C-alpha cells in the first residue's frame, strides 16, 4: 500500500471518527436539554436564585456541546471529502 493510500485511509478514518463523535455529543446535548427542563420544573422559582444559576450553567454547557458537535461534523466532512478526492 502506498504512502498516499495509507494517508488517505487514515484521514478517512479520522473523518468517520469525528462524525461519530459529533453524533454522540449532539445526543449528549439533547439529553442535557431534557435534564434542564426537568430541573427547571422541579426547582424553578426558588427564592435563592440557585435554579437560575444552575439552568444558566446547563445552557452554557449545552451551547458548547452543540458548537463542538457542529465543528466535529464539519471537520469530519472535510476529512472525508479530502480522502475521497485523493
Protein backbone atom coordinates (compact mmCIF):
# COMPACT_ATOMS: atom_id res chain seq x y z
CA UNK A 1 0.00 0.00 0.00
CA UNK A 2 1.45 3.34 -0.99
CA UNK A 3 2.03 6.13 1.49
CA UNK A 4 -0.69 8.18 -0.18
CA UNK A 5 -3.17 5.32 0.15
CA UNK A 6 -2.27 4.93 3.82
CA UNK A 7 -2.68 8.66 4.42
CA UNK A 8 -6.00 8.64 2.60
CA UNK A 9 -7.23 5.75 4.75
CA UNK A 10 -6.07 7.47 7.94
CA UNK A 11 -7.72 10.77 7.06
CA UNK A 12 -10.93 8.99 6.10
CA UNK A 13 -10.91 7.10 9.41
CA UNK A 14 -10.36 10.35 11.31
CA UNK A 15 -13.31 11.83 9.42
CA UNK A 16 -15.50 8.88 10.33
CA UNK A 17 -14.47 9.10 13.99
CA UNK A 18 -15.17 12.84 14.06
CA UNK A 19 -18.63 12.29 12.57
CA UNK A 20 -19.39 9.55 15.09
CA UNK A 21 -18.21 11.69 18.00
CA UNK A 22 -20.28 14.62 16.68
CA UNK A 23 -23.38 12.42 16.83
CA UNK A 24 -22.59 11.30 20.35
CA UNK A 25 -22.03 14.86 21.53
CA UNK A 26 -25.25 16.02 19.86
CA UNK A 27 -27.09 13.26 21.74
CA UNK A 28 -25.46 14.38 24.98
CA UNK A 29 -26.62 17.94 24.31
CA UNK A 30 -30.14 16.69 23.69
CA UNK A 31 -30.08 14.74 26.97
CA UNK A 32 -28.78 17.79 28.82
CA UNK A 33 -31.57 19.89 27.38
CA UNK A 34 -34.13 17.41 28.69
CA UNK A 35 -32.45 17.46 32.07
CA UNK A 36 -32.56 21.25 32.12
CA UNK A 37 -36.30 21.15 31.65
CA UNK A 38 -36.67 18.61 34.46
CA UNK A 39 -34.50 20.66 36.83
CA UNK A 40 -36.36 23.83 35.97
CA UNK A 41 -39.68 22.17 36.59
CA UNK A 42 -38.52 20.58 39.86
CA UNK A 43 -36.81 23.55 41.49
CA UNK A 44 -37.77 26.51 39.32
CA UNK A 45 -38.61 29.74 41.07
CA UNK A 46 -36.59 29.17 44.22
CA UNK A 47 -36.11 32.36 46.16
CA UNK A 48 -32.33 31.93 46.35
CA UNK A 49 -31.97 32.10 42.57
CA UNK A 50 -29.85 28.96 42.51
CA UNK A 51 -32.19 27.45 39.95
CA UNK A 52 -31.44 30.27 37.52
CA UNK A 53 -27.69 29.87 38.07
CA UNK A 54 -27.91 26.12 37.52
CA UNK A 55 -30.05 26.46 34.40
CA UNK A 56 -27.69 29.12 33.00
CA UNK A 57 -24.75 26.76 33.58
CA UNK A 58 -26.58 23.91 31.87
CA UNK A 59 -27.48 26.20 28.97
CA UNK A 60 -23.86 27.29 28.55
CA UNK A 61 -22.74 23.65 28.57
CA UNK A 62 -25.48 22.75 26.10
CA UNK A 63 -24.38 25.55 23.76
CA UNK A 64 -20.76 24.39 23.98
CA UNK A 65 -21.77 20.81 23.21
CA UNK A 66 -23.80 21.92 20.19
CA UNK A 67 -20.89 24.03 18.94
CA UNK A 68 -18.48 21.12 19.39
CA UNK A 69 -20.80 18.74 17.54
CA UNK A 70 -21.13 21.18 14.65
CA UNK A 71 -17.37 21.71 14.47
CA UNK A 72 -16.62 18.00 14.61
CA UNK A 73 -19.18 17.27 11.91
CA UNK A 74 -17.61 19.93 9.66
CA UNK A 75 -14.11 18.57 10.33
CA UNK A 76 -15.26 15.04 9.63
CA UNK A 77 -16.91 16.08 6.39
CA UNK A 78 -13.80 17.96 5.30
CA UNK A 79 -11.56 14.98 6.06
CA UNK A 80 -13.80 12.51 4.26
CA UNK A 81 -14.15 14.87 1.30
CA UNK A 82 -10.38 15.24 1.01
CA UNK A 83 -9.86 11.49 1.25
CA UNK A 84 -12.43 10.90 -1.47
CA UNK A 85 -10.68 13.32 -3.86
CA UNK A 86 -7.13 11.98 -3.44
